[in-house]
Amino acid sequence: MTSVGAPDETREAAELAVWFGGVSVACWFCCPFWMLVCFLALPMGLAGLVRACVEYRASTQGRASRPRAVAGGVLSLLGAAAAVAYLIFLGTHPDLPAQG
């Protein structure tokens, strides 16, 4: 993590939860092949959740932004939850991917 007196460029480079969460959510809107998207969005969402927890802890010491950590955690949770929901949907409808 960066120190309290670090420049803004270094501080923003260390705050990656929003980027992971944004990618995990944006994949669902940008790519029509959801069967492939869920395998990209799930790891990105989980990585974003872990990173959001790290950044939230760092925010208590002033090394990161708390609103960015919370926003990254929410976006990551949405992306990961959508991936899990879609995998459950595919599991309950095994004939769906075969239709075309």
N, C-alpha and C. Protein backbone atom coordinates (compact mmCIF):
# COMPACT_ATOMS: atom_id res chain seq x y z
N MET A 1 0.83 -1.17 0.00
CA MET A 1 0.00 0.00 0.00
C MET A 1 0.88 1.24 0.00
N THR A 2 0.29 2.34 -0.27
CA THR A 2 1.02 3.60 -0.33
C THR A 2 0.92 4.33 1.00
N SER A 3 1.81 5.27 1.22
CA SER A 3 1.80 6.01 2.47
C SER A 3 0.76 7.13 2.41
N VAL A 4 0.55 7.77 3.55
CA VAL A 4 -0.46 8.82 3.65
C VAL A 4 -0.08 10.01 2.77
N GLY A 5 1.19 10.33 2.71
CA GLY A 5 1.62 11.48 1.93
C GLY A 5 1.96 11.16 0.49
N ALA A 6 1.47 10.07 -0.02
CA ALA A 6 1.81 9.66 -1.38
C ALA A 6 1.10 10.55 -2.40
N PRO A 7 1.71 10.72 -3.57
CA PRO A 7 1.04 11.49 -4.62
C PRO A 7 -0.25 10.80 -5.08
N ASP A 8 -1.13 11.58 -5.68
CA ASP A 8 -2.43 11.05 -6.10
C ASP A 8 -2.29 9.96 -7.16
N GLU A 9 -1.29 10.05 -8.04
CA GLU A 9 -1.14 9.04 -9.07
C GLU A 9 -0.86 7.68 -8.44
N THR A 10 0.01 7.64 -7.45
CA THR A 10 0.34 6.39 -6.79
C THR A 10 -0.84 5.87 -5.99
N ARG A 11 -1.55 6.77 -5.32
CA ARG A 11 -2.70 6.37 -4.52
C ARG A 11 -3.79 5.78 -5.41
N GLU A 12 -4.09 6.41 -6.55
CA GLU A 12 -5.14 5.90 -7.44
C GLU A 12 -4.71 4.61 -8.12
N ALA A 13 -3.42 4.43 -8.37
CA ALA A 13 -2.96 3.19 -8.96
C ALA A 13 -3.12 2.03 -7.99
N ALA A 14 -3.07 2.32 -6.70
CA ALA A 14 -3.22 1.27 -5.70
C ALA A 14 -4.68 0.92 -5.46
N GLU A 15 -5.61 1.75 -5.88
CA GLU A 15 -7.03 1.49 -5.67
C GLU A 15 -7.63 0.83 -6.91
N LEU A 16 -7.62 -0.48 -6.90
CA LEU A 16 -8.03 -1.25 -8.08
C LEU A 16 -9.40 -1.89 -7.95
N ALA A 17 -10.05 -1.80 -6.82
CA ALA A 17 -11.34 -2.47 -6.61
C ALA A 17 -12.39 -1.97 -7.59
N VAL A 18 -12.39 -0.67 -7.85
CA VAL A 18 -13.38 -0.11 -8.78
C VAL A 18 -13.14 -0.65 -10.19
N TRP A 19 -11.88 -0.80 -10.57
CA TRP A 19 -11.60 -1.31 -11.91
C TRP A 19 -12.01 -2.77 -12.05
N PHE A 20 -11.68 -3.60 -11.06
CA PHE A 20 -12.09 -5.00 -11.11
C PHE A 20 -13.61 -5.12 -11.13
N GLY A 21 -14.27 -4.37 -10.28
CA GLY A 21 -15.73 -4.41 -10.23
C GLY A 21 -16.36 -3.88 -11.50
N GLY A 22 -15.80 -2.81 -12.04
CA GLY A 22 -16.33 -2.25 -13.29
C GLY A 22 -16.20 -3.21 -14.45
N VAL A 23 -15.08 -3.90 -14.53
CA VAL A 23 -14.88 -4.88 -15.61
C VAL A 23 -15.84 -6.05 -15.44
N SER A 24 -16.05 -6.49 -14.20
CA SER A 24 -16.94 -7.64 -13.99
C SER A 24 -18.39 -7.30 -14.34
N VAL A 25 -18.78 -6.04 -14.17
CA VAL A 25 -20.14 -5.64 -14.54
C VAL A 25 -20.23 -5.28 -16.02
N ALA A 26 -19.22 -4.60 -16.54
CA ALA A 26 -19.25 -4.16 -17.94
C ALA A 26 -19.25 -5.34 -18.91
N CYS A 27 -18.64 -6.43 -18.53
CA CYS A 27 -18.62 -7.62 -19.40
C CYS A 27 -20.03 -8.07 -19.75
N TRP A 28 -20.93 -7.98 -18.78
CA TRP A 28 -22.30 -8.44 -19.01
C TRP A 28 -23.03 -7.57 -20.03
N PHE A 29 -22.67 -6.30 -20.11
CA PHE A 29 -23.35 -5.39 -21.04
C PHE A 29 -22.67 -5.33 -22.40
N CYS A 30 -21.40 -5.65 -22.46
CA CYS A 30 -20.64 -5.48 -23.71
C CYS A 30 -20.56 -6.73 -24.56
N CYS A 31 -20.67 -7.89 -23.97
CA CYS A 31 -20.48 -9.13 -24.73
C CYS A 31 -21.76 -9.95 -24.71
N PRO A 32 -22.26 -10.36 -25.87
CA PRO A 32 -23.51 -11.12 -25.90
C PRO A 32 -23.33 -12.61 -25.57
N PHE A 33 -22.10 -13.10 -25.49
CA PHE A 33 -21.85 -14.51 -25.21
C PHE A 33 -21.72 -14.72 -23.71
N TRP A 34 -22.85 -14.78 -23.03
CA TRP A 34 -22.86 -14.81 -21.57
C TRP A 34 -22.23 -16.08 -21.02
N MET A 35 -22.26 -17.16 -21.76
CA MET A 35 -21.65 -18.39 -21.27
C MET A 35 -20.14 -18.20 -21.10
N LEU A 36 -19.54 -17.42 -21.98
CA LEU A 36 -18.11 -17.13 -21.85
C LEU A 36 -17.86 -16.00 -20.86
N VAL A 37 -18.76 -15.05 -20.81
CA VAL A 37 -18.60 -13.89 -19.92
C VAL A 37 -18.59 -14.31 -18.46
N CYS A 38 -19.40 -15.28 -18.09
CA CYS A 38 -19.48 -15.65 -16.68
C CYS A 38 -18.15 -16.20 -16.18
N PHE A 39 -17.36 -16.81 -17.05
CA PHE A 39 -16.06 -17.33 -16.63
C PHE A 39 -15.00 -16.23 -16.54
N LEU A 40 -15.27 -15.08 -17.09
CA LEU A 40 -14.39 -13.92 -16.93
C LEU A 40 -14.88 -13.04 -15.78
N ALA A 41 -16.18 -12.87 -15.68
CA ALA A 41 -16.74 -11.96 -14.67
C ALA A 41 -16.61 -12.51 -13.26
N LEU A 42 -16.70 -13.82 -13.08
CA LEU A 42 -16.61 -14.39 -11.74
C LEU A 42 -15.24 -14.18 -11.10
N PRO A 43 -14.14 -14.51 -11.77
CA PRO A 43 -12.84 -14.24 -11.13
C PRO A 43 -12.55 -12.75 -10.95
N MET A 44 -12.99 -11.93 -11.91
CA MET A 44 -12.77 -10.50 -11.78
C MET A 44 -13.57 -9.95 -10.60
N GLY A 45 -14.80 -10.42 -10.44
CA GLY A 45 -15.62 -9.98 -9.32
C GLY A 45 -15.07 -10.41 -7.98
N LEU A 46 -14.58 -11.65 -7.91
CA LEU A 46 -14.00 -12.13 -6.66
C LEU A 46 -12.70 -11.39 -6.33
N ALA A 47 -11.89 -11.14 -7.34
CA ALA A 47 -10.66 -10.36 -7.12
C ALA A 47 -11.00 -8.94 -6.67
N GLY A 48 -12.04 -8.37 -7.24
CA GLY A 48 -12.48 -7.05 -6.83
C GLY A 48 -13.00 -7.01 -5.40
N LEU A 49 -13.70 -8.07 -4.98
CA LEU A 49 -14.17 -8.14 -3.60
C LEU A 49 -13.00 -8.22 -2.61
N VAL A 50 -12.02 -9.03 -2.94
CA VAL A 50 -10.84 -9.14 -2.07
C VAL A 50 -10.11 -7.81 -2.02
N ARG A 51 -9.94 -7.21 -3.19
CA ARG A 51 -9.23 -5.92 -3.25
C ARG A 51 -10.02 -4.83 -2.51
N ALA A 52 -11.34 -4.87 -2.58
CA ALA A 52 -12.17 -3.89 -1.87
C ALA A 52 -12.00 -4.05 -0.36
N CYS A 53 -11.92 -5.28 0.11
CA CYS A 53 -11.69 -5.49 1.54
C CYS A 53 -10.34 -4.94 1.98
N VAL A 54 -9.31 -5.17 1.16
CA VAL A 54 -7.97 -4.66 1.47
C VAL A 54 -7.98 -3.13 1.47
N GLU A 55 -8.63 -2.55 0.46
CA GLU A 55 -8.68 -1.09 0.38
C GLU A 55 -9.52 -0.48 1.50
N TYR A 56 -10.57 -1.17 1.91
CA TYR A 56 -11.39 -0.66 3.00
C TYR A 56 -10.60 -0.63 4.30
N ARG A 57 -9.82 -1.68 4.54
CA ARG A 57 -8.96 -1.69 5.72
C ARG A 57 -7.91 -0.60 5.64
N ALA A 58 -7.37 -0.37 4.46
CA ALA A 58 -6.37 0.68 4.29
C ALA A 58 -6.98 2.06 4.46
N SER A 59 -8.27 2.19 4.18
CA SER A 59 -8.92 3.50 4.31
C SER A 59 -9.03 3.94 5.76
N THR A 60 -9.04 3.00 6.68
CA THR A 60 -9.10 3.37 8.09
C THR A 60 -7.81 4.06 8.54
N GLN A 61 -6.73 3.80 7.82
CA GLN A 61 -5.44 4.42 8.13
C GLN A 61 -5.13 5.59 7.20
N GLY A 62 -6.06 5.92 6.34
CA GLY A 62 -5.88 7.06 5.44
C GLY A 62 -5.07 6.76 4.20
N ARG A 63 -4.84 5.50 3.90
CA ARG A 63 -4.02 5.15 2.74
C ARG A 63 -4.84 4.92 1.47
N ALA A 64 -6.15 4.90 1.60
CA ALA A 64 -7.02 4.67 0.44
C ALA A 64 -8.34 5.41 0.67
N SER A 65 -9.11 5.50 -0.38
CA SER A 65 -10.39 6.19 -0.31
C SER A 65 -11.49 5.20 0.07
N ARG A 66 -12.22 5.50 1.14
CA ARG A 66 -13.29 4.62 1.58
C ARG A 66 -14.45 4.55 0.58
N PRO A 67 -14.90 5.68 -0.01
CA PRO A 67 -16.00 5.57 -0.99
C PRO A 67 -15.61 4.75 -2.22
N ARG A 68 -14.37 4.86 -2.66
CA ARG A 68 -13.93 4.05 -3.80
C ARG A 68 -13.88 2.57 -3.45
N ALA A 69 -13.47 2.26 -2.23
CA ALA A 69 -13.43 0.86 -1.79
C ALA A 69 -14.85 0.28 -1.72
N VAL A 70 -15.78 1.06 -1.20
CA VAL A 70 -17.16 0.59 -1.11
C VAL A 70 -17.78 0.45 -2.50
N ALA A 71 -17.53 1.42 -3.37
CA ALA A 71 -18.07 1.35 -4.73
C ALA A 71 -17.48 0.14 -5.47
N GLY A 72 -16.19 -0.09 -5.30
CA GLY A 72 -15.57 -1.26 -5.93
C GLY A 72 -16.13 -2.55 -5.39
N GLY A 73 -16.39 -2.60 -4.09
CA GLY A 73 -16.98 -3.79 -3.51
C GLY A 73 -18.39 -4.05 -4.02
N VAL A 74 -19.18 -2.99 -4.16
CA VAL A 74 -20.55 -3.15 -4.66
C VAL A 74 -20.54 -3.61 -6.12
N LEU A 75 -19.70 -2.98 -6.95
CA LEU A 75 -19.61 -3.39 -8.35
C LEU A 75 -19.12 -4.83 -8.48
N SER A 76 -18.13 -5.18 -7.70
CA SER A 76 -17.59 -6.54 -7.74
C SER A 76 -18.64 -7.56 -7.29
N LEU A 77 -19.38 -7.20 -6.26
CA LEU A 77 -20.43 -8.09 -5.77
C LEU A 77 -21.52 -8.28 -6.83
N LEU A 78 -21.89 -7.21 -7.53
CA LEU A 78 -22.88 -7.33 -8.61
C LEU A 78 -22.38 -8.22 -9.74
N GLY A 79 -21.14 -8.01 -10.16
CA GLY A 79 -20.59 -8.82 -11.25
C GLY A 79 -20.47 -10.29 -10.87
N ALA A 80 -19.97 -10.56 -9.66
CA ALA A 80 -19.82 -11.95 -9.21
C ALA A 80 -21.18 -12.61 -8.98
N ALA A 81 -22.13 -11.87 -8.43
CA ALA A 81 -23.47 -12.42 -8.20
C ALA A 81 -24.17 -12.74 -9.51
N ALA A 82 -23.98 -11.88 -10.51
CA ALA A 82 -24.57 -12.16 -11.82
C ALA A 82 -23.96 -13.41 -12.44
N ALA A 83 -22.66 -13.60 -12.27
CA ALA A 83 -22.01 -14.79 -12.80
C ALA A 83 -22.49 -16.05 -12.10
N VAL A 84 -22.61 -16.00 -10.79
CA VAL A 84 -23.10 -17.16 -10.04
C VAL A 84 -24.55 -17.46 -10.40
N ALA A 85 -25.36 -16.42 -10.52
CA ALA A 85 -26.77 -16.62 -10.89
C ALA A 85 -26.89 -17.24 -12.28
N TYR A 86 -26.04 -16.79 -13.20
CA TYR A 86 -26.10 -17.35 -14.55
C TYR A 86 -25.62 -18.80 -14.56
N LEU A 87 -24.61 -19.12 -13.79
CA LEU A 87 -24.14 -20.51 -13.71
C LEU A 87 -25.21 -21.40 -13.09
N ILE A 88 -25.92 -20.91 -12.08
CA ILE A 88 -27.02 -21.67 -11.50
C ILE A 88 -28.14 -21.85 -12.53
N PHE A 89 -28.43 -20.81 -13.29
CA PHE A 89 -29.44 -20.90 -14.33
C PHE A 89 -29.06 -21.96 -15.37
N LEU A 90 -27.78 -21.96 -15.78
CA LEU A 90 -27.34 -22.97 -16.74
C LEU A 90 -27.40 -24.37 -16.15
N GLY A 91 -27.12 -24.49 -14.85
CA GLY A 91 -27.18 -25.80 -14.21
C GLY A 91 -28.59 -26.35 -14.12
N THR A 92 -29.55 -25.47 -13.96
CA THR A 92 -30.94 -25.94 -13.86
C THR A 92 -31.60 -26.10 -15.23
N HIS A 93 -30.99 -25.55 -16.26
CA HIS A 93 -31.51 -25.70 -17.62
C HIS A 93 -30.40 -26.26 -18.53
N PRO A 94 -30.08 -27.54 -18.41
CA PRO A 94 -28.95 -28.09 -19.14
C PRO A 94 -29.15 -28.13 -20.66
N ASP A 95 -30.37 -28.10 -21.13
CA ASP A 95 -30.61 -28.14 -22.56
C ASP A 95 -30.50 -26.78 -23.22
N LEU A 96 -30.46 -25.70 -22.46
CA LEU A 96 -30.44 -24.35 -23.00
C LEU A 96 -29.23 -24.05 -23.89
N PRO A 97 -27.99 -24.35 -23.48
CA PRO A 97 -26.86 -24.04 -24.37
C PRO A 97 -26.88 -24.83 -25.66
N ALA A 98 -27.54 -26.00 -25.68
CA ALA A 98 -27.59 -26.80 -26.89
C ALA A 98 -28.57 -26.22 -27.91
N GLN A 99 -29.50 -25.39 -27.45
CA GLN A 99 -30.44 -24.78 -28.38
C GLN A 99 -29.73 -23.66 -29.13
N GLY A 100 -30.09 -23.44 -30.33
CA GLY A 100 -29.41 -22.38 -31.03
C GLY A 100 -30.20 -21.88 -32.11
